[in-house]
Amino acid sequence: MTSLEVIALRGLPFVEPGDDLVELIASALKQNDVAPLAGDVLVVAQKIVSKAEGRTVDLATVEPSAKAVTLAAEVDKDPRLIELILSESVRVVRARRGVLIVEHRLGFIMANAGVDQSNVGPADGSSRVLLLPEDPDRSAEALRRGLTTLTGTEKKRL
């Protein structure tokens, strides 16, 4: 291989909980006149997987623990957000003003356990946040299987 081509798919709608990502992506591939070939790599943002899987939480529904309140004061973050971060984590690696690095339950060392507050929903003033997918490997395999079937692309064998 001597080249790399990156194609951004246009026309994907705003993903909502329960949406079928396989159908949405297959439709976008067709709309963009992109026919995947065996061995192609499809990159999907974690955010749309989390949205489709319903991994959103409204901070208004979160009751922070005493530990979350204490840590929130230390890092200058919302105690409800800290409670969610702690619930997604196995340990705090580093906590400083404005920075919370944790070991996520999936083993990743990351900021805020991947809890994302940006572009989660319509600008309706809600305080929704997005969590990482429950099982990213299972999610990726389901997408691969579904798209392989819908597009007729054979999985490349090693």
N, C-alpha and C. Protein backbone atom coordinates (compact mmCIF):
# COMPACT_ATOMS: atom_id res chain seq x y z
N MET A 1 0.85 -1.18 0.00
CA MET A 1 0.00 0.00 0.00
C MET A 1 0.89 1.23 0.00
N THR A 2 0.58 2.15 -0.87
CA THR A 2 1.40 3.35 -0.96
C THR A 2 0.60 4.63 -0.71
N SER A 3 -0.68 4.49 -0.41
CA SER A 3 -1.48 5.70 -0.19
C SER A 3 -2.55 5.45 0.88
N LEU A 4 -3.08 6.55 1.35
CA LEU A 4 -4.14 6.50 2.33
C LEU A 4 -5.20 7.50 1.91
N GLU A 5 -6.44 7.06 1.87
CA GLU A 5 -7.54 7.95 1.52
C GLU A 5 -8.49 8.03 2.70
N VAL A 6 -8.85 9.24 3.08
CA VAL A 6 -9.80 9.46 4.17
C VAL A 6 -11.04 10.09 3.57
N ILE A 7 -12.19 9.48 3.86
CA ILE A 7 -13.46 9.97 3.32
C ILE A 7 -14.38 10.27 4.50
N ALA A 8 -14.79 11.51 4.64
CA ALA A 8 -15.75 11.88 5.68
C ALA A 8 -17.16 11.68 5.12
N LEU A 9 -17.97 10.94 5.85
CA LEU A 9 -19.34 10.71 5.41
C LEU A 9 -20.22 11.89 5.78
N ARG A 10 -20.90 12.43 4.81
CA ARG A 10 -21.83 13.54 5.06
C ARG A 10 -23.24 12.96 5.17
N GLY A 11 -24.08 13.67 5.90
CA GLY A 11 -25.48 13.29 5.94
C GLY A 11 -25.89 12.41 7.10
N LEU A 12 -24.96 12.11 8.00
CA LEU A 12 -25.38 11.35 9.18
C LEU A 12 -26.23 12.26 10.05
N PRO A 13 -27.39 11.78 10.50
CA PRO A 13 -28.24 12.62 11.34
C PRO A 13 -27.70 12.71 12.77
N PHE A 14 -28.29 13.59 13.56
CA PHE A 14 -27.99 13.66 14.98
C PHE A 14 -28.44 12.34 15.58
N VAL A 15 -27.53 11.61 16.19
CA VAL A 15 -27.83 10.27 16.71
C VAL A 15 -28.56 10.38 18.04
N GLU A 16 -29.61 9.57 18.17
CA GLU A 16 -30.44 9.53 19.37
C GLU A 16 -30.38 8.14 20.00
N PRO A 17 -30.69 8.04 21.28
CA PRO A 17 -30.73 6.71 21.92
C PRO A 17 -31.66 5.76 21.16
N GLY A 18 -31.16 4.55 20.94
CA GLY A 18 -31.94 3.54 20.24
C GLY A 18 -31.76 3.52 18.74
N ASP A 19 -31.08 4.54 18.18
CA ASP A 19 -30.84 4.55 16.74
C ASP A 19 -30.00 3.34 16.33
N ASP A 20 -30.26 2.84 15.14
CA ASP A 20 -29.50 1.71 14.59
C ASP A 20 -28.32 2.28 13.81
N LEU A 21 -27.14 2.24 14.43
CA LEU A 21 -25.94 2.81 13.78
C LEU A 21 -25.59 2.10 12.49
N VAL A 22 -25.80 0.81 12.45
CA VAL A 22 -25.50 0.06 11.23
C VAL A 22 -26.32 0.62 10.07
N GLU A 23 -27.61 0.81 10.29
CA GLU A 23 -28.48 1.36 9.24
C GLU A 23 -28.08 2.79 8.88
N LEU A 24 -27.81 3.61 9.91
CA LEU A 24 -27.43 5.00 9.65
C LEU A 24 -26.14 5.09 8.84
N ILE A 25 -25.14 4.31 9.22
CA ILE A 25 -23.85 4.35 8.53
C ILE A 25 -23.98 3.77 7.13
N ALA A 26 -24.69 2.66 7.00
CA ALA A 26 -24.88 2.06 5.67
C ALA A 26 -25.59 3.04 4.73
N SER A 27 -26.57 3.75 5.25
CA SER A 27 -27.29 4.74 4.46
C SER A 27 -26.36 5.88 4.05
N ALA A 28 -25.52 6.33 5.00
CA ALA A 28 -24.57 7.41 4.69
C ALA A 28 -23.54 6.96 3.66
N LEU A 29 -23.09 5.72 3.76
CA LEU A 29 -22.15 5.19 2.76
C LEU A 29 -22.78 5.26 1.37
N LYS A 30 -24.04 4.81 1.30
CA LYS A 30 -24.74 4.81 0.01
C LYS A 30 -24.95 6.24 -0.50
N GLN A 31 -25.39 7.13 0.39
CA GLN A 31 -25.61 8.54 0.04
C GLN A 31 -24.35 9.20 -0.50
N ASN A 32 -23.21 8.82 0.07
CA ASN A 32 -21.93 9.41 -0.31
C ASN A 32 -21.24 8.64 -1.43
N ASP A 33 -21.95 7.63 -1.97
CA ASP A 33 -21.43 6.80 -3.05
C ASP A 33 -20.09 6.16 -2.67
N VAL A 34 -20.04 5.64 -1.46
CA VAL A 34 -18.84 4.96 -0.96
C VAL A 34 -19.16 3.48 -0.81
N ALA A 35 -18.41 2.65 -1.52
CA ALA A 35 -18.57 1.20 -1.44
C ALA A 35 -17.35 0.62 -0.72
N PRO A 36 -17.52 0.22 0.53
CA PRO A 36 -16.38 -0.32 1.27
C PRO A 36 -15.85 -1.60 0.64
N LEU A 37 -14.55 -1.77 0.76
CA LEU A 37 -13.87 -2.97 0.26
C LEU A 37 -13.29 -3.74 1.43
N ALA A 38 -13.05 -5.02 1.22
CA ALA A 38 -12.42 -5.85 2.25
C ALA A 38 -11.12 -5.20 2.68
N GLY A 39 -10.93 -5.09 3.97
CA GLY A 39 -9.71 -4.49 4.49
C GLY A 39 -9.81 -3.01 4.79
N ASP A 40 -10.88 -2.36 4.34
CA ASP A 40 -11.08 -0.95 4.66
C ASP A 40 -11.28 -0.77 6.15
N VAL A 41 -10.93 0.40 6.64
CA VAL A 41 -11.09 0.73 8.05
C VAL A 41 -12.14 1.83 8.15
N LEU A 42 -13.13 1.60 8.99
CA LEU A 42 -14.16 2.60 9.23
C LEU A 42 -13.95 3.14 10.64
N VAL A 43 -13.81 4.43 10.75
CA VAL A 43 -13.60 5.07 12.05
C VAL A 43 -14.94 5.69 12.47
N VAL A 44 -15.37 5.33 13.67
CA VAL A 44 -16.63 5.82 14.22
C VAL A 44 -16.32 6.48 15.56
N ALA A 45 -16.79 7.69 15.74
CA ALA A 45 -16.57 8.39 17.00
C ALA A 45 -17.31 7.69 18.13
N GLN A 46 -16.65 7.58 19.25
CA GLN A 46 -17.25 6.96 20.44
C GLN A 46 -18.55 7.65 20.80
N LYS A 47 -18.61 8.95 20.57
CA LYS A 47 -19.77 9.73 20.97
C LYS A 47 -21.06 9.21 20.34
N ILE A 48 -21.05 8.89 19.04
CA ILE A 48 -22.29 8.44 18.42
C ILE A 48 -22.65 7.03 18.89
N VAL A 49 -21.65 6.21 19.20
CA VAL A 49 -21.93 4.88 19.74
C VAL A 49 -22.60 5.03 21.11
N SER A 50 -22.03 5.88 21.95
CA SER A 50 -22.60 6.11 23.28
C SER A 50 -24.01 6.67 23.18
N LYS A 51 -24.23 7.60 22.27
CA LYS A 51 -25.57 8.17 22.10
C LYS A 51 -26.56 7.09 21.68
N ALA A 52 -26.21 6.30 20.67
CA ALA A 52 -27.11 5.25 20.19
C ALA A 52 -27.41 4.24 21.28
N GLU A 53 -26.42 3.97 22.13
CA GLU A 53 -26.60 3.00 23.21
C GLU A 53 -27.28 3.60 24.44
N GLY A 54 -27.65 4.87 24.35
CA GLY A 54 -28.36 5.49 25.45
C GLY A 54 -27.52 5.73 26.68
N ARG A 55 -26.23 5.99 26.49
CA ARG A 55 -25.32 6.18 27.63
C ARG A 55 -25.30 7.64 28.09
N THR A 56 -26.46 8.28 28.11
CA THR A 56 -26.56 9.65 28.59
C THR A 56 -27.15 9.65 30.00
N VAL A 57 -26.72 10.63 30.77
CA VAL A 57 -27.21 10.80 32.13
C VAL A 57 -27.49 12.28 32.33
N ASP A 58 -28.62 12.60 32.92
CA ASP A 58 -28.93 13.98 33.27
C ASP A 58 -28.35 14.24 34.65
N LEU A 59 -27.44 15.20 34.74
CA LEU A 59 -26.80 15.49 36.03
C LEU A 59 -27.82 15.84 37.11
N ALA A 60 -28.99 16.34 36.71
CA ALA A 60 -30.02 16.69 37.69
C ALA A 60 -30.51 15.46 38.46
N THR A 61 -30.27 14.27 37.92
CA THR A 61 -30.71 13.04 38.58
C THR A 61 -29.63 12.42 39.46
N VAL A 62 -28.45 13.03 39.50
CA VAL A 62 -27.31 12.44 40.22
C VAL A 62 -27.21 13.05 41.62
N GLU A 63 -27.12 12.18 42.61
CA GLU A 63 -26.93 12.61 44.00
C GLU A 63 -25.47 12.34 44.37
N PRO A 64 -24.67 13.40 44.54
CA PRO A 64 -23.24 13.20 44.83
C PRO A 64 -23.00 12.67 46.25
N SER A 65 -22.05 11.78 46.36
CA SER A 65 -21.63 11.23 47.66
C SER A 65 -20.73 12.25 48.35
N ALA A 66 -20.44 12.00 49.61
CA ALA A 66 -19.53 12.87 50.36
C ALA A 66 -18.16 12.89 49.70
N LYS A 67 -17.71 11.73 49.22
CA LYS A 67 -16.41 11.65 48.54
C LYS A 67 -16.41 12.53 47.28
N ALA A 68 -17.50 12.49 46.53
CA ALA A 68 -17.60 13.30 45.30
C ALA A 68 -17.61 14.78 45.62
N VAL A 69 -18.29 15.17 46.69
CA VAL A 69 -18.35 16.58 47.08
C VAL A 69 -16.96 17.08 47.47
N THR A 70 -16.23 16.28 48.25
CA THR A 70 -14.87 16.65 48.67
C THR A 70 -13.94 16.77 47.47
N LEU A 71 -13.98 15.77 46.59
CA LEU A 71 -13.11 15.78 45.42
C LEU A 71 -13.49 16.91 44.46
N ALA A 72 -14.76 17.19 44.34
CA ALA A 72 -15.22 18.28 43.46
C ALA A 72 -14.66 19.62 43.91
N ALA A 73 -14.61 19.83 45.21
CA ALA A 73 -14.04 21.08 45.74
C ALA A 73 -12.56 21.16 45.42
N GLU A 74 -11.87 20.03 45.48
CA GLU A 74 -10.43 19.98 45.20
C GLU A 74 -10.12 20.29 43.74
N VAL A 75 -10.95 19.78 42.82
CA VAL A 75 -10.67 19.94 41.39
C VAL A 75 -11.53 21.02 40.73
N ASP A 76 -12.40 21.64 41.51
CA ASP A 76 -13.25 22.72 41.03
C ASP A 76 -14.17 22.26 39.90
N LYS A 77 -14.92 21.19 40.16
CA LYS A 77 -15.89 20.66 39.20
C LYS A 77 -17.21 20.39 39.92
N ASP A 78 -18.26 20.22 39.16
CA ASP A 78 -19.58 19.93 39.69
C ASP A 78 -19.55 18.59 40.44
N PRO A 79 -20.00 18.54 41.69
CA PRO A 79 -19.99 17.29 42.46
C PRO A 79 -20.78 16.16 41.80
N ARG A 80 -21.83 16.51 41.07
CA ARG A 80 -22.62 15.48 40.37
C ARG A 80 -21.81 14.86 39.24
N LEU A 81 -21.04 15.69 38.55
CA LEU A 81 -20.15 15.18 37.50
C LEU A 81 -19.09 14.28 38.11
N ILE A 82 -18.52 14.71 39.23
CA ILE A 82 -17.51 13.90 39.91
C ILE A 82 -18.09 12.56 40.34
N GLU A 83 -19.33 12.56 40.81
CA GLU A 83 -19.98 11.29 41.20
C GLU A 83 -20.04 10.33 40.03
N LEU A 84 -20.42 10.83 38.85
CA LEU A 84 -20.47 9.97 37.66
C LEU A 84 -19.08 9.48 37.28
N ILE A 85 -18.10 10.37 37.34
CA ILE A 85 -16.72 9.99 37.03
C ILE A 85 -16.26 8.88 37.96
N LEU A 86 -16.53 9.04 39.25
CA LEU A 86 -16.14 8.01 40.22
C LEU A 86 -16.88 6.70 39.96
N SER A 87 -18.14 6.78 39.57
CA SER A 87 -18.91 5.55 39.32
C SER A 87 -18.41 4.79 38.09
N GLU A 88 -17.74 5.49 37.18
CA GLU A 88 -17.19 4.86 35.97
C GLU A 88 -15.73 4.44 36.15
N SER A 89 -15.17 4.70 37.34
CA SER A 89 -13.73 4.52 37.55
C SER A 89 -13.44 3.50 38.65
N VAL A 90 -12.22 2.97 38.60
CA VAL A 90 -11.77 2.08 39.67
C VAL A 90 -10.82 2.78 40.63
N ARG A 91 -10.19 3.87 40.15
CA ARG A 91 -9.32 4.64 41.05
C ARG A 91 -9.00 6.01 40.45
N VAL A 92 -8.70 6.93 41.35
CA VAL A 92 -8.26 8.26 40.95
C VAL A 92 -6.73 8.21 40.83
N VAL A 93 -6.21 8.59 39.69
CA VAL A 93 -4.77 8.59 39.45
C VAL A 93 -4.17 9.93 39.86
N ARG A 94 -4.84 11.02 39.50
CA ARG A 94 -4.36 12.36 39.83
C ARG A 94 -5.53 13.31 39.93
N ALA A 95 -5.48 14.14 40.95
CA ALA A 95 -6.52 15.15 41.14
C ALA A 95 -5.85 16.47 41.50
N ARG A 96 -6.04 17.44 40.64
CA ARG A 96 -5.55 18.80 40.87
C ARG A 96 -6.61 19.75 40.35
N ARG A 97 -6.52 20.98 40.73
CA ARG A 97 -7.50 21.98 40.30
C ARG A 97 -7.68 21.92 38.78
N GLY A 98 -8.89 21.63 38.34
CA GLY A 98 -9.20 21.57 36.93
C GLY A 98 -8.84 20.27 36.24
N VAL A 99 -8.21 19.33 36.96
CA VAL A 99 -7.75 18.09 36.33
C VAL A 99 -8.12 16.89 37.20
N LEU A 100 -8.78 15.92 36.59
CA LEU A 100 -9.08 14.67 37.28
C LEU A 100 -8.75 13.53 36.33
N ILE A 101 -7.70 12.81 36.65
CA ILE A 101 -7.26 11.67 35.84
C ILE A 101 -7.62 10.41 36.63
N VAL A 102 -8.30 9.49 35.97
CA VAL A 102 -8.75 8.27 36.64
C VAL A 102 -8.42 7.05 35.80
N GLU A 103 -8.51 5.89 36.44
CA GLU A 103 -8.48 4.63 35.72
C GLU A 103 -9.93 4.21 35.52
N HIS A 104 -10.36 4.20 34.28
CA HIS A 104 -11.73 3.82 33.94
C HIS A 104 -11.93 2.34 34.24
N ARG A 105 -13.15 1.93 34.46
CA ARG A 105 -13.45 0.53 34.74
C ARG A 105 -13.02 -0.41 33.62
N LEU A 106 -12.84 0.13 32.40
CA LEU A 106 -12.37 -0.67 31.27
C LEU A 106 -10.85 -0.75 31.20
N GLY A 107 -10.17 -0.06 32.13
CA GLY A 107 -8.71 -0.13 32.19
C GLY A 107 -7.99 1.05 31.58
N PHE A 108 -8.71 1.97 30.97
CA PHE A 108 -8.09 3.14 30.35
C PHE A 108 -7.73 4.16 31.43
N ILE A 109 -6.56 4.79 31.30
CA ILE A 109 -6.22 5.93 32.14
C ILE A 109 -6.59 7.17 31.33
N MET A 110 -7.48 7.99 31.90
CA MET A 110 -8.00 9.09 31.10
C MET A 110 -8.57 10.21 31.97
N ALA A 111 -8.75 11.35 31.36
CA ALA A 111 -9.38 12.48 32.04
C ALA A 111 -10.87 12.22 32.18
N ASN A 112 -11.37 12.47 33.38
CA ASN A 112 -12.82 12.45 33.65
C ASN A 112 -13.53 11.16 33.28
N ALA A 113 -12.81 10.06 33.20
CA ALA A 113 -13.40 8.75 32.86
C ALA A 113 -14.14 8.78 31.53
N GLY A 114 -13.77 9.73 30.66
CA GLY A 114 -14.42 9.84 29.37
C GLY A 114 -15.81 10.46 29.43
N VAL A 115 -16.23 10.92 30.60
CA VAL A 115 -17.54 11.56 30.72
C VAL A 115 -17.48 12.87 29.95
N ASP A 116 -18.39 13.02 28.99
CA ASP A 116 -18.34 14.12 28.03
C ASP A 116 -19.57 15.00 28.18
N GLN A 117 -19.36 16.30 28.30
CA GLN A 117 -20.46 17.25 28.43
C GLN A 117 -20.71 18.04 27.15
N SER A 118 -19.89 17.85 26.13
CA SER A 118 -20.01 18.69 24.93
C SER A 118 -20.94 18.07 23.89
N ASN A 119 -21.79 18.89 23.32
CA ASN A 119 -22.67 18.49 22.21
C ASN A 119 -23.46 17.21 22.48
N VAL A 120 -23.99 17.09 23.69
CA VAL A 120 -24.70 15.87 24.03
C VAL A 120 -26.14 15.88 23.52
N GLY A 121 -26.73 17.03 23.51
CA GLY A 121 -28.11 17.10 23.05
C GLY A 121 -28.45 18.48 22.57
N PRO A 122 -29.69 18.69 22.29
CA PRO A 122 -30.11 20.01 21.84
C PRO A 122 -29.80 21.06 22.91
N ALA A 123 -29.65 22.28 22.49
CA ALA A 123 -29.33 23.36 23.43
C ALA A 123 -30.59 23.74 24.20
N ASP A 124 -31.06 22.82 25.05
CA ASP A 124 -32.29 23.04 25.78
C ASP A 124 -32.04 23.37 27.24
N GLY A 125 -30.79 23.61 27.59
CA GLY A 125 -30.47 23.95 28.97
C GLY A 125 -30.34 22.74 29.87
N SER A 126 -30.52 21.53 29.33
CA SER A 126 -30.40 20.34 30.16
C SER A 126 -28.94 20.13 30.54
N SER A 127 -28.74 19.35 31.55
CA SER A 127 -27.38 19.10 32.03
C SER A 127 -26.99 17.66 31.75
N ARG A 128 -27.21 17.21 30.53
CA ARG A 128 -26.90 15.83 30.17
C ARG A 128 -25.41 15.66 29.89
N VAL A 129 -24.93 14.48 30.24
CA VAL A 129 -23.55 14.11 29.95
C VAL A 129 -23.57 12.73 29.29
N LEU A 130 -22.46 12.40 28.66
CA LEU A 130 -22.35 11.15 27.91
C LEU A 130 -21.26 10.29 28.53
N LEU A 131 -21.55 9.01 28.74
CA LEU A 131 -20.58 8.05 29.26
C LEU A 131 -20.03 7.23 28.10
N LEU A 132 -18.89 6.61 28.31
CA LEU A 132 -18.34 5.71 27.29
C LEU A 132 -19.28 4.53 27.09
N PRO A 133 -19.19 3.85 25.94
CA PRO A 133 -20.00 2.65 25.74
C PRO A 133 -19.71 1.63 26.85
N GLU A 134 -20.72 0.86 27.19
CA GLU A 134 -20.60 -0.17 28.23
C GLU A 134 -19.49 -1.17 27.87
N ASP A 135 -19.49 -1.63 26.62
CA ASP A 135 -18.51 -2.61 26.14
C ASP A 135 -18.10 -2.21 24.72
N PRO A 136 -17.07 -1.36 24.60
CA PRO A 136 -16.68 -0.85 23.27
C PRO A 136 -16.31 -1.95 22.27
N ASP A 137 -15.69 -3.02 22.73
CA ASP A 137 -15.32 -4.10 21.81
C ASP A 137 -16.57 -4.76 21.23
N ARG A 138 -17.57 -4.99 22.07
CA ARG A 138 -18.83 -5.59 21.60
C ARG A 138 -19.52 -4.64 20.61
N SER A 139 -19.49 -3.34 20.92
CA SER A 139 -20.11 -2.35 20.03
C SER A 139 -19.43 -2.35 18.67
N ALA A 140 -18.10 -2.35 18.68
CA ALA A 140 -17.34 -2.34 17.42
C ALA A 140 -17.60 -3.61 16.61
N GLU A 141 -17.65 -4.74 17.28
CA GLU A 141 -17.89 -6.01 16.58
C GLU A 141 -19.30 -6.03 15.98
N ALA A 142 -20.28 -5.51 16.70
CA ALA A 142 -21.65 -5.46 16.17
C ALA A 142 -21.71 -4.56 14.93
N LEU A 143 -21.00 -3.43 14.97
CA LEU A 143 -20.95 -2.56 13.78
C LEU A 143 -20.28 -3.27 12.62
N ARG A 144 -19.16 -3.92 12.89
CA ARG A 144 -18.44 -4.62 11.82
C ARG A 144 -19.30 -5.71 11.19
N ARG A 145 -19.93 -6.52 12.03
CA ARG A 145 -20.77 -7.59 11.53
C ARG A 145 -21.95 -7.04 10.72
N GLY A 146 -22.63 -6.05 11.28
CA GLY A 146 -23.80 -5.49 10.61
C GLY A 146 -23.47 -4.82 9.29
N LEU A 147 -22.38 -4.05 9.28
CA LEU A 147 -22.00 -3.36 8.05
C LEU A 147 -21.47 -4.32 7.00
N THR A 148 -20.78 -5.36 7.43
CA THR A 148 -20.30 -6.38 6.50
C THR A 148 -21.49 -7.03 5.80
N THR A 149 -22.51 -7.33 6.58
CA THR A 149 -23.71 -7.95 6.02
C THR A 149 -24.45 -6.99 5.08
N LEU A 150 -24.69 -5.76 5.54
CA LEU A 150 -25.46 -4.81 4.73
C LEU A 150 -24.74 -4.35 3.47
N THR A 151 -23.43 -4.24 3.53
CA THR A 151 -22.70 -3.75 2.36
C THR A 151 -22.19 -4.87 1.47
N GLY A 152 -22.29 -6.12 1.95
CA GLY A 152 -21.81 -7.24 1.16
C GLY A 152 -20.29 -7.35 1.16
N THR A 153 -19.64 -6.64 2.05
CA THR A 153 -18.19 -6.67 2.12
C THR A 153 -17.74 -7.87 2.93
N GLU A 154 -16.85 -8.64 2.38
CA GLU A 154 -16.32 -9.81 3.09
C GLU A 154 -15.20 -9.37 4.03
N LYS A 155 -15.19 -9.96 5.20
CA LYS A 155 -14.10 -9.67 6.15
C LYS A 155 -12.82 -10.27 5.59
N LYS A 156 -11.78 -9.46 5.61
CA LYS A 156 -10.48 -9.90 5.11
C LYS A 156 -9.89 -10.92 6.07
N ARG A 157 -9.50 -12.05 5.57
CA ARG A 157 -8.90 -13.12 6.39
C ARG A 157 -7.39 -12.97 6.42
N LEU A 158 -6.81 -13.18 7.59
CA LEU A 158 -5.35 -13.11 7.71
C LEU A 158 -4.72 -14.41 7.28
